[in-house]
Protein backbone atom coordinates (compact mmCIF):
# COMPACT_ATOMS: atom_id res chain seq x y z
CA MET A 1 -0.20 -0.26 0.35
CA ALA A 2 1.16 3.60 -1.14
CA LYS A 3 2.30 5.79 1.85
CA ASP A 4 -0.22 9.43 2.08
CA ARG A 5 2.32 11.98 1.63
CA SER A 6 0.26 14.33 1.76
CA LYS A 7 0.37 14.47 5.88
CA GLY A 8 4.21 14.58 6.52
CA PRO A 9 6.59 17.73 6.46
CA LYS A 10 6.97 20.01 3.35
CA LYS A 11 10.15 20.71 2.18
CA GLN A 12 11.08 23.73 3.02
CA GLY A 13 13.92 24.29 0.63
CA ARG A 14 16.50 22.74 -1.56
CA LYS A 15 19.83 21.58 -0.49
CA VAL A 16 22.91 22.60 -2.50
CA ARG A 17 26.85 22.54 -2.18
CA VAL A 18 27.97 25.56 -1.92
CA ASP A 19 32.10 27.43 -1.66
CA PHE A 20 32.89 28.26 2.08
CA ARG A 21 33.41 32.29 2.39
CA LYS A 22 36.43 33.57 1.43
CA ASN A 23 37.62 34.34 5.40
CA ARG A 24 38.07 30.52 5.75
CA GLU A 25 39.86 29.47 2.90
CA LYS A 26 42.87 32.13 3.62
CA THR A 27 44.03 33.78 6.31
CA ALA A 28 45.28 37.65 5.94
CA ARG A 29 48.61 38.19 6.05
CA ASP A 30 49.16 41.46 7.46
CA LYS A 31 46.75 43.86 9.29
CA ALA A 32 46.16 45.69 6.58
CA GLN A 33 45.10 43.17 4.20
CA TRP A 34 42.78 42.18 7.12
CA THR A 35 41.55 46.12 7.76
CA ARG A 36 40.63 46.20 4.01
CA HIS A 37 38.93 43.29 3.71
CA TYR A 38 36.76 44.28 6.80
CA ARG A 39 35.80 47.42 5.26
CA GLU A 40 35.24 45.89 2.29
CA ASP A 41 32.64 43.81 3.86
CA SER A 42 33.89 40.34 2.73
CA ILE A 43 33.02 38.71 6.36
CA GLN A 44 29.42 37.80 4.91
CA HIS A 45 26.50 35.45 6.08
CA GLU A 46 24.85 33.72 2.76
CA ASP A 47 21.66 35.48 2.76
CA THR A 48 19.70 32.47 2.53
CA ALA A 49 21.40 29.71 4.48
CA LYS A 50 19.33 28.02 6.44
CA GLU A 51 21.17 24.89 7.34
CA GLN A 52 24.99 23.52 6.83
CA SER A 53 27.04 20.40 7.54
CA VAL A 54 30.63 20.14 7.46
CA ARG A 55 32.78 17.22 7.13
CA ALA A 56 36.82 17.63 6.14
CA LYS A 57 37.36 15.06 3.78
CA GLY A 58 39.71 16.11 0.95
CA GLU A 59 37.63 18.72 -1.47
CA LEU A 60 34.86 18.38 0.59
CA SER A 61 36.04 20.03 3.11
CA ARG A 62 36.28 23.15 1.04
CA LYS A 63 32.00 22.99 0.66
CA ARG A 64 29.29 23.27 2.86
CA THR A 65 25.66 22.68 2.76
CA VAL A 66 23.25 24.90 2.62
CA ILE A 67 19.19 24.80 1.91
CA ILE A 68 18.06 27.42 -0.25
CA HIS A 69 14.45 28.58 0.75
CA ASP A 70 11.62 29.95 -2.03
CA GLU A 71 11.32 33.74 -0.77
CA SER A 72 7.42 33.94 -1.09
CA THR A 73 7.22 31.18 1.55
CA GLY A 74 10.42 32.41 3.33
CA GLU A 75 8.93 35.59 4.56
CA LYS A 76 6.07 33.26 6.79
CA THR A 77 8.68 32.31 8.76
CA TRP A 78 10.51 35.73 9.37
CA GLN A 79 10.13 36.75 12.62
CA ASN A 80 9.51 40.71 14.51
CA GLY A 81 12.16 42.04 16.62
CA LEU A 82 13.46 44.92 17.63
CA VAL A 83 16.87 46.04 18.18
CA VAL A 84 18.09 46.38 21.94
CA ARG A 85 22.06 46.48 21.68
CA MET A 86 24.45 46.62 18.97
CA ARG A 87 28.10 44.77 19.19
CA GLY A 88 30.18 45.50 16.00
CA LEU A 89 28.44 44.29 13.11
CA ILE A 90 26.08 41.71 15.72
CA ALA A 91 22.84 43.24 16.47
CA GLU A 92 21.11 41.80 20.06
CA VAL A 93 17.13 41.65 18.86
CA ASP A 94 14.03 41.45 21.12
CA ASP A 95 11.37 39.43 20.00
CA GLY A 96 9.32 39.38 22.93
CA HIS A 97 10.15 36.22 24.53
CA GLU A 98 14.23 35.88 24.12
CA ILE A 99 17.14 38.09 22.82
CA TRP A 100 18.56 36.54 19.20
CA ALA A 101 22.34 37.56 18.08
CA CYS A 102 21.45 38.54 14.80
CA THR A 103 23.98 39.29 11.54
CA VAL A 104 22.39 41.39 8.53
CA ARG A 105 21.50 39.69 5.03
CA ARG A 106 23.82 40.92 2.59
CA LEU A 107 21.82 42.88 0.06
CA LEU A 108 19.90 44.36 3.04
CA ARG A 109 23.19 45.58 4.56
CA THR A 110 24.61 46.87 0.75
CA ARG A 111 21.03 48.69 0.61
CA LEU A 112 21.86 50.27 3.96
CA ILE A 113 24.83 51.23 3.49
CA LYS A 114 24.18 53.16 0.23
CA GLU A 115 21.54 55.04 2.22
CA ARG A 116 23.68 55.52 4.90
CA HIS A 117 21.40 54.33 7.55
CA PRO A 118 22.71 51.30 8.96
CA ILE A 119 21.06 48.97 12.14
CA THR A 120 21.00 50.83 14.78
CA VAL A 121 19.43 50.34 18.66
CA GLY A 122 15.65 51.18 18.73
CA ASP A 123 15.27 49.67 14.88
CA ARG A 124 12.20 47.46 14.18
CA VAL A 125 13.48 44.24 12.40
CA ARG A 126 11.84 41.22 10.78
CA PHE A 127 14.64 38.06 11.34
CA VAL A 128 14.90 34.50 10.71
CA SER A 129 16.81 31.60 12.67
CA ILE A 130 19.85 30.08 11.75
CA ASP A 131 20.13 26.18 11.53
CA VAL A 132 23.33 24.36 11.62
CA ALA A 133 23.52 20.25 11.54
CA GLY A 134 19.41 20.51 12.16
CA GLU A 135 19.90 22.40 15.37
CA GLN A 136 19.65 25.92 16.64
CA SER A 137 22.65 28.28 16.26
CA GLN A 138 24.18 29.79 19.02
CA GLN A 139 26.56 32.47 19.59
CA VAL A 140 28.02 34.09 23.08
CA SER A 141 27.84 37.06 24.35
CA ASP A 142 28.61 38.85 27.30
CA ASP A 143 28.62 34.91 29.13
CA ARG A 144 25.72 34.33 27.78
CA GLU A 145 24.54 31.92 24.61
CA LEU A 146 22.01 33.75 22.33
CA PRO A 147 20.43 31.76 19.54
CA GLU A 148 21.37 33.27 16.31
CA GLY A 149 19.07 35.00 13.52
CA VAL A 150 19.59 37.13 10.40
CA ILE A 151 18.06 40.14 9.82
CA GLN A 152 15.94 40.38 6.62
CA ASP A 153 14.27 43.41 6.48
CA VAL A 154 13.79 46.81 8.74
CA GLU A 155 10.76 48.84 9.13
CA GLU A 156 11.08 52.55 8.30
CA ARG A 157 12.07 54.64 11.07
CA THR A 158 9.85 57.59 12.32
CA THR A 159 12.52 59.31 13.76
CA THR A 160 16.66 59.18 13.99
CA LEU A 161 19.71 60.60 16.12
CA VAL A 162 22.38 61.11 13.59
CA ARG A 163 25.53 62.39 13.71
CA HIS A 164 28.67 62.78 11.61
CA TYR A 165 31.48 60.85 12.96
CA ASP A 166 34.56 59.88 11.15
CA ARG A 167 33.82 60.73 7.57
CA ARG A 168 30.13 58.94 7.80
CA LEU A 169 26.83 59.12 9.38
CA GLN A 170 26.13 57.43 12.68
CA VAL A 171 22.98 56.75 13.83
CA VAL A 172 22.58 56.68 17.18
CA ALA A 173 19.16 55.59 17.69
CA ALA A 174 16.04 55.21 15.84
CA ASN A 175 12.28 55.06 17.02
CA VAL A 176 12.61 57.40 20.19
CA ASP A 177 9.80 60.05 21.04
CA LEU A 178 12.19 61.90 23.33
CA ALA A 179 15.68 62.97 23.49
CA LEU A 180 17.40 63.86 26.98
CA ILE A 181 20.45 65.95 26.43
CA VAL A 182 22.32 65.45 29.39
CA ALA A 183 25.58 67.72 30.64
CA ALA A 184 26.83 68.59 33.82
CA ALA A 185 27.09 72.25 35.77
CA ASP A 186 30.62 71.03 36.37
CA GLN A 187 33.10 68.04 35.74
CA PRO A 188 33.64 68.18 32.95
CA THR A 189 32.74 71.78 31.73
CA LEU A 190 29.40 72.66 30.88
CA ARG A 191 29.85 73.72 27.08
CA PRO A 192 26.21 75.36 26.16
CA HIS A 193 27.31 75.41 22.65
CA LEU A 194 27.24 71.17 22.75
CA ILE A 195 24.11 71.47 24.04
CA ASP A 196 22.70 73.28 20.70
CA ARG A 197 24.16 70.73 18.43
CA TYR A 198 22.54 68.06 20.33
CA LEU A 199 19.50 70.23 19.94
CA VAL A 200 19.82 70.80 15.98
CA ALA A 201 20.46 66.89 15.90
CA VAL A 202 17.42 66.49 17.64
CA HIS A 203 14.76 68.73 15.76
CA CYS A 204 16.32 67.59 12.71
CA GLY A 205 15.42 63.92 13.50
CA ASP A 206 11.70 64.86 14.51
CA MET A 207 12.17 64.13 18.38
CA ARG A 208 11.40 66.35 21.42
CA PRO A 209 13.98 67.79 22.50
CA VAL A 210 14.81 67.97 27.09
CA VAL A 211 17.71 69.44 28.04
CA CYS A 212 18.70 68.06 31.55
CA ILE A 213 21.57 69.73 33.57
CA ASN A 214 22.96 67.12 36.12
CA LYS A 215 25.48 67.48 39.08
CA THR A 216 23.73 70.85 39.92
CA ASP A 217 25.00 70.13 44.00
CA LEU A 218 28.46 71.57 41.91
CA ASP A 219 26.72 74.86 40.59
CA CYS A 220 28.85 77.58 43.00
CA ASP A 221 28.30 80.81 41.08
CA GLY A 222 24.61 79.58 39.46
CA PHE A 223 26.11 79.10 35.77
CA ALA A 224 23.92 75.94 35.25
CA GLU A 225 20.74 78.02 36.85
CA ASP A 226 21.82 80.66 33.69
CA VAL A 227 22.15 78.31 31.44
CA ALA A 228 18.91 76.25 32.28
CA GLU A 229 16.79 79.52 32.14
CA ARG A 230 17.99 80.55 29.04
CA TYR A 231 16.62 77.76 27.19
CA ARG A 232 13.45 78.22 28.87
CA SER A 233 12.87 81.71 27.81
CA ILE A 234 13.57 80.14 24.10
CA GLY A 235 10.96 77.78 24.52
CA TYR A 236 12.74 74.01 25.69
CA SER A 237 12.32 72.27 28.49
CA ALA A 238 15.06 72.51 30.77
CA LEU A 239 15.59 70.35 33.85
CA LEU A 240 18.14 70.87 36.78
CA ALA A 241 19.34 67.34 38.64
CA SER A 242 21.39 65.85 41.15
CA VAL A 243 21.82 62.13 42.75
CA VAL A 244 23.31 63.68 45.61
CA ASP A 245 20.52 65.69 47.16
CA HIS A 246 18.06 64.05 44.29
CA ARG A 247 16.96 67.37 42.97
CA GLY A 248 14.41 66.96 40.17
CA ILE A 249 14.91 63.49 40.00
CA ASP A 250 10.99 63.23 40.95
CA GLU A 251 10.37 65.77 38.14
CA LEU A 252 12.52 63.88 35.38
CA ARG A 253 10.61 60.58 36.16
CA GLU A 254 7.17 61.82 35.26
CA THR A 255 9.05 63.20 31.64
CA LEU A 256 10.46 59.91 30.82
CA ARG A 257 7.28 57.73 31.87
CA ASP A 258 5.68 56.14 29.38
CA GLN A 259 7.93 57.48 26.73
CA THR A 260 10.77 56.27 24.50
CA SER A 261 13.81 58.25 25.09
CA VAL A 262 17.31 58.22 24.42
CA LEU A 263 20.19 59.91 26.78
CA VAL A 264 22.54 61.75 24.82
CA GLY A 265 25.31 63.85 26.22
CA PRO A 266 29.47 63.55 26.71
CA SER A 267 31.35 61.65 28.97
CA GLY A 268 31.37 61.77 32.77
CA VAL A 269 28.53 63.84 32.65
CA GLY A 270 26.63 61.33 35.08
CA LYS A 271 24.33 59.32 32.95
CA SER A 272 24.85 55.88 34.11
CA SER A 273 24.53 57.27 37.62
CA LEU A 274 21.09 59.49 37.05
CA LEU A 275 19.69 56.23 35.30
CA ASN A 276 20.47 53.95 38.03
CA THR A 277 18.74 57.12 40.47
CA LEU A 278 15.56 56.96 38.14
CA ASP A 279 15.33 53.09 38.44
CA PRO A 280 17.53 51.31 40.65
CA ASN A 281 17.15 48.36 38.97
CA LEU A 282 18.85 48.82 36.17
CA SER A 283 22.20 48.71 38.06
CA LEU A 284 24.16 50.06 36.02
CA ARG A 285 28.17 50.55 36.34
CA VAL A 286 29.14 53.69 37.40
CA GLY A 287 32.39 55.81 36.12
CA SER A 288 34.68 57.97 38.23
CA LEU A 289 36.30 61.20 37.88
CA THR A 290 39.69 58.84 37.21
CA ASP A 291 37.72 57.06 34.55
CA LEU A 292 36.87 60.48 32.75
CA GLN A 293 40.19 61.61 33.44
CA ARG A 294 41.96 58.73 31.40
CA GLY A 295 39.09 59.11 28.28
CA ARG A 296 37.31 55.45 29.63
CA HIS A 297 33.67 55.46 28.76
CA THR A 298 31.51 54.15 31.14
CA THR A 299 29.24 53.03 28.79
CA THR A 300 30.41 51.46 25.46
CA THR A 301 27.74 50.37 23.65
CA ALA A 302 24.33 52.10 23.23
CA ASN A 303 21.66 49.75 25.22
CA LEU A 304 17.84 49.71 25.30
CA LEU A 305 16.53 49.68 28.40
CA LYS A 306 12.98 49.10 30.13
CA TRP A 307 12.16 51.57 33.03
CA ALA A 308 10.02 50.07 35.89
CA PHE A 309 8.03 53.11 35.87
CA GLY A 310 6.99 52.51 32.08
CA GLY A 311 8.90 53.15 28.54
CA TYR A 312 12.28 52.85 27.27
CA VAL A 313 15.30 54.48 27.08
CA VAL A 314 18.51 54.14 25.19
CA ASP A 315 21.50 54.46 26.76
CA THR A 316 24.41 55.91 24.79
CA PRO A 317 28.43 56.25 25.06
CA GLY A 318 29.69 59.43 26.01
CA MET A 319 30.35 61.76 22.87
CA ARG A 320 33.06 64.07 23.18
CA GLN A 321 32.36 65.61 20.22
CA PHE A 322 29.10 65.98 18.25
CA ASP A 323 29.19 66.65 14.53
CA ILE A 324 25.87 67.78 13.30
CA ALA A 325 24.90 65.54 9.91
CA ASP A 326 22.25 66.16 7.03
CA VAL A 327 21.88 69.40 7.90
CA GLU A 328 22.40 71.83 4.55
CA ALA A 329 23.63 75.47 5.79
CA THR A 330 20.16 77.02 4.63
CA GLU A 331 18.18 75.14 6.61
CA LEU A 332 20.26 75.60 9.89
CA GLU A 333 17.84 78.37 10.54
CA ALA A 334 14.86 76.27 11.23
CA TYR A 335 16.47 74.87 13.84
CA PHE A 336 17.39 77.82 16.30
CA LEU A 337 13.78 78.33 17.60
CA GLU A 338 13.91 82.16 18.49
CA PHE A 339 15.15 82.85 14.92
CA VAL A 340 12.41 81.14 13.21
CA ASP A 341 9.61 84.28 13.58
CA LEU A 342 12.47 86.32 12.46
CA ILE A 343 13.60 84.97 9.43
CA SER A 344 10.47 86.38 7.32
CA LYS A 345 11.74 90.16 7.99
CA CYS A 346 14.74 89.88 6.96
CA ARG A 347 15.80 92.25 4.05
CA PHE A 348 17.01 89.38 1.71
CA PRO A 349 15.13 86.13 1.22
CA ASP A 350 18.59 83.74 1.20
CA CYS A 351 19.86 85.93 4.39
CA SER A 352 22.33 83.65 6.21
CA HIS A 353 22.20 85.50 9.29
CA THR A 354 25.83 85.97 9.54
CA HIS A 355 26.77 89.35 7.15
CA GLU A 356 23.73 90.73 5.66
CA GLU A 357 22.37 94.04 5.97
CA ASP A 358 19.32 94.40 7.39
CA CYS A 359 18.80 90.96 9.05
CA ALA A 360 15.93 90.77 11.34
CA VAL A 361 17.98 87.51 13.36
CA LYS A 362 21.42 90.38 14.15
CA ALA A 363 19.09 93.26 14.54
CA ALA A 364 17.50 90.64 17.70
CA LEU A 365 20.90 90.14 18.74
CA GLU A 366 21.92 94.07 19.00
CA GLU A 367 18.41 94.25 21.08
CA GLY A 368 19.60 91.22 23.13
CA ALA A 369 16.30 89.09 22.14
CA VAL A 370 18.78 86.86 20.84
CA PHE A 371 21.19 85.28 23.23
CA GLN A 372 24.87 86.31 21.76
CA GLU A 373 26.29 82.56 22.69
CA ARG A 374 23.11 80.82 20.95
CA TYR A 375 24.11 83.26 18.11
CA ASP A 376 27.65 82.22 18.50
CA SER A 377 26.89 78.82 17.61
CA TYR A 378 24.82 79.12 14.88
CA CYS A 379 27.35 80.75 12.79
CA LYS A 380 29.79 78.39 14.00
CA MET A 381 27.48 75.18 13.12
CA TYR A 382 26.48 77.41 9.40
CA GLU A 383 30.36 77.63 8.64
CA GLU A 384 30.69 73.84 9.25
CA CYS A 385 27.72 73.08 7.37
CA ARG A 386 29.06 75.23 4.11
CA ALA A 387 32.23 73.27 4.39
CA LYS A 388 30.56 69.99 4.17
CA GLU A 389 28.71 71.47 1.42
CA LYS A 390 31.80 72.87 -0.51
CA ASP A 391 33.58 69.25 0.20
CA LYS A 392 30.80 67.11 -1.82
CA HIS A 393 31.62 69.30 -4.52
């Protein structure tokens, strides 16, 4: 009697023999060669590889068996997840039940590089698991074994925080509602110009900015209070906080409640201490003044953390510099709130507000309606944007 095969599991793909990746056939002879291969992204996963087996038998040891899945049926097996941490080329993805260690599909990675938008914390992705010899492949991360997967697709982002770093764009975080810009009253020195840079990037990425000046217990001369009041007068939410005397902690917690936020700021301003004070369950490692003096980062990778009081926060490494990205010089004026109502009053429609006559912004500066420090920040960033535009041509 013939067997009824219709009830058995359907074959999900076809087996093929393929060559190993180049990095398994030949090792790099020197550091420069390795760096070149790394930058050219020669270490790549097969897009559709799901299973493999290796047997060292002569020529067979130079081949591997993979199962190629049909694209139309493959999408049915894709899982949804949220990128919660980046470790080099590995994205840790939370599917709601467990964390996966995922690489990025080759074709998708190529597309993202061309668009200059790599995978980042906060991305909503779709991924597939990797099976090796019929078993779930594993990766070790911080002494944990995580199931391995491959990211196949990335959902369109609603917001992004981007900076220009090392001659390319770096997406710091995606899909966040609020950006908390953290500075310190002292140790390190309070630099309002750096806050202005963050504000431009936050506005450009369509997030709501909140300025937080931490370590107010060190504000001996009242400078931090003056800076906070300056931003309040412009229209920003500006909070003063201290983990020593708990000043402003309750107000800050209510601001972040039920929001998806990102904390940004230079090294040493106390972001980790602030997070631990807001939510003791996080238990993050806290650096010291010695670490700051030696240039050590307490937080080395961006992480998406869940608040006990509701919502999420992306904790980012300290950034000593923050070069704005994707902002044209002619657009910069729109990201300075106090300039917006003045722009139409300038004599020239293409006024740069730097050297022209009958400029409403410069007139407001002379009258004291625009702060000199803010205007200086604008001029510096304007020249930087123009220089970048010239370099492109």
